[in-house]
Amino acid sequence: MRIKKGDNVRVMTGKDKGKEGKVARAMPSRGFVVIEGINVFKKHARPKRQGEKGEIIDVVRPLPASNVRILCPACGPTRIAMKMDGKNKSRICRKCGKAL
């Protein structure tokens, strides 16, 4: 998975299609990403102590990394290619070739 924490991405499919946000957490082993303010669901929480009320909280759930595209500053949503410079590996835009 080539998407990292802090990348700006656009959602390509699903209920939040077209929305943009910053990656808050990447889970490469599972192939998921969590994006700030996107894929938000309501969760009903039971009261923890006696006398306390239950509440409805907003929970941000992970999205499959295949459903998002990284945003290139020059050309918009794009796929990522890897470029080797000696021992250094860098990510570049597939459309324009600029470094991400």
Protein backbone atom coordinates (compact mmCIF):
# COMPACT_ATOMS: atom_id res chain seq x y z
CA MET A 1 0.00 0.00 0.00
CA ARG A 2 1.46 3.35 -1.05
CA ILE A 3 -0.82 5.71 0.86
CA LYS A 4 0.70 7.06 4.06
CA LYS A 5 -0.47 9.02 7.10
CA GLY A 6 -0.79 12.74 6.29
CA ASP A 7 -1.52 12.31 2.55
CA ASN A 8 -4.39 14.27 1.02
CA VAL A 9 -6.77 11.88 -0.74
CA ARG A 10 -10.13 11.86 -2.57
CA VAL A 11 -12.75 9.14 -2.10
CA MET A 12 -13.61 7.54 -5.46
CA THR A 13 -16.50 5.21 -4.50
CA GLY A 14 -19.18 4.81 -1.86
CA LYS A 15 -21.42 7.18 0.06
CA ASP A 16 -18.67 9.81 0.45
CA LYS A 17 -17.64 9.79 -3.23
CA GLY A 18 -15.88 13.02 -4.25
CA LYS A 19 -15.00 14.13 -0.71
CA GLU A 20 -11.41 15.00 0.13
CA GLY A 21 -9.53 14.68 3.39
CA LYS A 22 -6.28 13.92 5.15
CA VAL A 23 -5.28 10.38 6.08
CA ALA A 24 -5.34 10.10 9.88
CA ARG A 25 -4.22 6.46 10.03
CA ALA A 26 -3.01 3.87 7.53
CA MET A 27 -3.34 0.14 8.13
CA PRO A 28 -1.17 -1.50 5.43
CA SER A 29 -1.53 -5.03 6.81
CA ARG A 30 -5.32 -4.85 6.37
CA GLY A 31 -5.33 -2.50 3.35
CA PHE A 32 -7.45 0.19 5.02
CA VAL A 33 -7.11 3.93 5.70
CA VAL A 34 -8.92 6.23 8.13
CA ILE A 35 -9.65 9.70 6.74
CA GLU A 36 -10.57 12.65 8.98
CA GLY A 37 -14.29 13.46 8.75
CA ILE A 38 -15.10 10.81 6.11
CA ASN A 39 -17.05 7.55 6.54
CA VAL A 40 -18.55 8.78 9.83
CA PHE A 41 -21.20 6.60 11.50
CA LYS A 42 -23.36 7.05 14.61
CA LYS A 43 -22.72 4.67 17.50
CA HIS A 44 -25.05 4.23 20.45
CA ALA A 45 -23.03 4.04 23.68
CA ARG A 46 -24.43 2.58 26.88
CA PRO A 47 -24.00 4.45 30.15
CA LYS A 48 -20.75 3.55 31.87
CA ARG A 49 -21.80 4.33 35.45
CA GLN A 50 -25.05 4.38 37.36
CA GLY A 51 -26.90 7.69 36.96
CA GLU A 52 -25.10 8.51 33.69
CA LYS A 53 -27.04 8.73 30.43
CA GLY A 54 -26.35 6.80 27.24
CA GLU A 55 -25.25 8.83 24.23
CA ILE A 56 -24.86 8.76 20.48
CA ILE A 57 -21.28 9.35 19.34
CA ASP A 58 -19.74 9.82 15.90
CA VAL A 59 -17.23 7.13 14.91
CA VAL A 60 -14.89 7.37 11.91
CA ARG A 61 -14.55 3.95 10.30
CA PRO A 62 -11.80 2.79 7.95
CA LEU A 63 -12.16 2.71 4.16
CA PRO A 64 -10.43 0.28 1.81
CA ALA A 65 -7.30 1.92 0.41
CA SER A 66 -8.35 0.88 -3.09
CA ASN A 67 -11.35 3.24 -2.86
CA VAL A 68 -9.22 6.39 -2.47
CA ARG A 69 -6.75 8.17 -4.74
CA ILE A 70 -3.92 10.42 -3.63
CA LEU A 71 -4.19 14.06 -4.72
CA CYS A 72 -1.32 15.40 -6.83
CA PRO A 73 -0.95 19.20 -6.43
CA ALA A 74 -0.62 19.59 -10.21
CA CYS A 75 -3.13 17.16 -11.74
CA GLY A 76 -5.58 16.03 -9.03
CA PRO A 77 -6.44 12.42 -8.10
CA THR A 78 -3.91 9.97 -9.44
CA ARG A 79 -2.21 6.64 -8.91
CA ILE A 80 1.26 6.38 -7.40
CA ALA A 81 4.44 5.05 -8.97
CA MET A 82 7.71 4.31 -7.19
CA LYS A 83 11.06 5.67 -8.41
CA MET A 84 14.45 4.41 -7.26
CA ASP A 85 17.35 6.88 -6.96
CA GLY A 86 20.24 4.72 -5.84
CA LYS A 87 19.08 3.41 -2.46
CA ASN A 88 16.33 6.02 -2.02
CA LYS A 89 12.77 5.16 -2.99
CA SER A 90 10.30 7.98 -3.69
CA ARG A 91 6.65 8.20 -4.71
CA ILE A 92 5.78 10.01 -7.94
CA CYS A 93 2.58 10.88 -9.79
CA ARG A 94 1.67 8.49 -12.64
CA LYS A 95 0.19 11.34 -14.74
CA CYS A 96 2.77 14.14 -14.55
CA GLY A 97 5.79 12.47 -12.94
CA LYS A 98 6.18 14.99 -10.10
CA ALA A 99 7.20 13.85 -6.64
CA LEU A 100 4.47 13.41 -4.06
